[in-house]
N, C-alpha and C. Protein backbone atom coordinates (compact mmCIF):
# COMPACT_ATOMS: atom_id res chain seq x y z
N MET A 1 70.04 110.95 70.52
CA MET A 1 70.78 111.72 69.83
C MET A 1 71.33 111.38 68.87
N ASN A 2 72.97 110.78 69.28
CA ASN A 2 73.63 110.38 67.44
C ASN A 2 73.04 109.02 66.71
N GLU A 3 72.46 108.34 67.22
CA GLU A 3 71.58 107.52 66.85
C GLU A 3 70.64 107.42 66.03
N PHE A 4 69.53 108.80 66.13
CA PHE A 4 68.96 109.76 66.55
C PHE A 4 69.22 110.13 63.61
N LEU A 5 70.29 110.39 64.51
CA LEU A 5 71.38 111.76 63.18
C LEU A 5 71.02 110.08 61.75
N SER A 6 72.18 109.30 62.92
CA SER A 6 72.90 108.27 61.61
C SER A 6 71.41 107.84 60.92
N SER A 7 70.15 107.41 61.89
CA SER A 7 69.65 106.44 61.52
C SER A 7 68.61 107.80 59.98
N PHE A 8 68.56 108.83 60.77
CA PHE A 8 67.88 110.17 59.24
C PHE A 8 68.99 109.44 58.30
N LEU A 9 70.49 109.76 58.38
CA LEU A 9 71.46 109.73 57.45
C LEU A 9 71.19 108.45 56.14
N SER A 10 70.68 107.30 56.81
CA SER A 10 71.09 106.36 56.31
C SER A 10 69.68 105.74 55.79
N LEU A 11 68.25 106.47 56.40
CA LEU A 11 67.31 106.92 55.94
C LEU A 11 67.10 107.37 54.56
N ALA A 12 68.40 108.88 54.15
CA ALA A 12 67.77 110.36 53.76
C ALA A 12 69.63 109.41 52.21
N THR A 13 70.03 108.08 52.76
CA THR A 13 71.06 107.85 51.20
C THR A 13 69.86 107.14 50.80
N LEU A 14 68.88 105.76 51.66
CA LEU A 14 68.16 105.57 51.13
C LEU A 14 67.55 105.83 49.95
N PHE A 15 67.12 107.04 50.72
CA PHE A 15 65.92 107.58 49.60
C PHE A 15 66.90 108.15 48.04
N ALA A 16 68.03 108.91 48.14
CA ALA A 16 68.44 109.28 47.67
C ALA A 16 68.93 108.51 46.67
N LEU A 17 69.63 107.31 46.90
CA LEU A 17 69.83 106.18 46.15
C LEU A 17 68.34 105.58 45.22
N ARG A 18 67.24 105.52 45.97
CA ARG A 18 66.28 105.23 45.50
C ARG A 18 65.29 106.10 44.28
N PHE A 19 65.74 107.74 44.89
CA PHE A 19 64.45 108.26 43.21
C PHE A 19 66.00 108.78 43.05
N VAL A 20 66.71 110.45 43.32
CA VAL A 20 68.56 110.85 43.26
C VAL A 20 68.54 110.10 42.09
N LEU A 21 69.49 108.54 42.04
CA LEU A 21 69.88 108.56 40.47
C LEU A 21 69.26 108.08 39.80
N PRO A 22 68.44 107.20 39.59
CA PRO A 22 68.18 107.14 39.00
C PRO A 22 67.39 108.12 37.85
N ILE A 23 66.97 109.07 38.24
CA ILE A 23 66.33 110.81 38.30
C ILE A 23 67.87 110.95 37.02
N LEU A 24 68.86 111.42 38.31
CA LEU A 24 70.31 111.51 37.63
C LEU A 24 70.90 110.96 36.14
N ILE A 25 70.79 109.55 35.88
CA ILE A 25 70.83 108.30 35.50
C ILE A 25 69.66 108.54 34.03
N THR A 26 68.86 109.05 34.12
CA THR A 26 68.32 109.09 32.89
C THR A 26 67.76 110.56 32.16
N PHE A 27 68.92 111.54 32.61
CA PHE A 27 69.00 113.04 32.71
C PHE A 27 70.10 112.30 32.13
N GLY A 28 71.53 112.31 32.37
CA GLY A 28 73.15 111.77 31.46
C GLY A 28 72.55 111.25 30.01
N VAL A 29 72.17 110.08 30.61
CA VAL A 29 71.85 109.36 29.23
C VAL A 29 70.85 109.63 28.77
N LEU A 30 70.14 110.74 28.76
CA LEU A 30 69.14 111.24 27.80
C LEU A 30 69.80 112.86 26.86
N THR A 31 71.30 113.52 28.27
CA THR A 31 71.19 114.45 27.72
C THR A 31 72.94 113.66 26.61
N PHE A 32 73.05 113.11 27.20
CA PHE A 32 74.19 112.21 25.42
C PHE A 32 73.33 111.44 24.65
N LEU A 33 72.52 111.23 24.82
CA LEU A 33 71.49 111.20 23.35
C LEU A 33 71.43 112.57 22.58
N LYS A 34 71.19 113.22 23.38
CA LYS A 34 70.62 114.49 22.85
C LYS A 34 71.88 114.61 21.86
N GLY A 35 73.15 114.65 22.88
CA GLY A 35 74.17 115.62 22.61
C GLY A 35 74.77 114.40 20.94
N ILE A 36 74.30 113.39 21.48
CA ILE A 36 74.90 112.56 19.66
C ILE A 36 74.36 113.18 18.89
N GLU A 37 72.49 113.62 19.57
CA GLU A 37 72.01 113.58 17.66
C GLU A 37 71.85 114.43 17.33
N LYS A 38 72.67 115.58 17.98
CA LYS A 38 73.53 117.37 17.20
C LYS A 38 74.75 117.34 16.65
N ARG A 39 75.51 116.42 17.02
CA ARG A 39 76.78 115.51 16.42
C ARG A 39 76.28 115.27 15.06
N ARG A 40 75.38 113.83 14.85
CA ARG A 40 74.82 113.44 13.70
C ARG A 40 74.42 114.42 13.18
N ASN A 41 73.46 115.24 13.29
CA ASN A 41 72.70 116.50 12.32
C ASN A 41 73.92 117.61 12.23
N VAL A 42 74.85 117.91 12.43
CA VAL A 42 76.52 118.28 12.73
C VAL A 42 76.20 117.87 10.61
N GLU A 43 77.31 117.08 11.40
CA GLU A 43 77.60 115.66 10.19
C GLU A 43 77.01 115.56 8.64
N ASP A 44 75.69 115.61 9.40
CA ASP A 44 74.43 114.77 7.49
C ASP A 44 73.92 116.01 6.80
N GLU A 45 74.34 117.71 8.02
CA GLU A 45 74.35 118.84 6.94
C GLU A 45 76.14 119.42 6.12
N ALA A 46 76.89 119.13 7.33
CA ALA A 46 78.41 119.33 6.58
C ALA A 46 78.62 118.04 5.33
N ARG A 47 77.48 116.96 5.11
CA ARG A 47 77.30 116.60 4.17
C ARG A 47 76.70 116.82 2.93
N LEU A 48 75.32 117.54 3.50
CA LEU A 48 74.55 118.04 2.75
C LEU A 48 75.52 119.02 2.09
N SER A 49 75.90 119.39 2.40
CA SER A 49 76.69 121.49 1.98
C SER A 49 76.91 121.10 1.13
N LYS A 50 78.01 119.87 1.32
CA LYS A 50 78.82 120.30 0.03
C LYS A 50 78.11 119.78 -1.23
């Protein structure tokens, strides 16, 4: 029983590393880029309103 549990946990870890991590990284990068874009837009609007 213990062997089954440990093998299941290692499989779950592999699955998480294969699928969840790339999704999280992609999501984080997209959010980061959107934040930069928003900041740039705000700066442009501030410059234009002067």
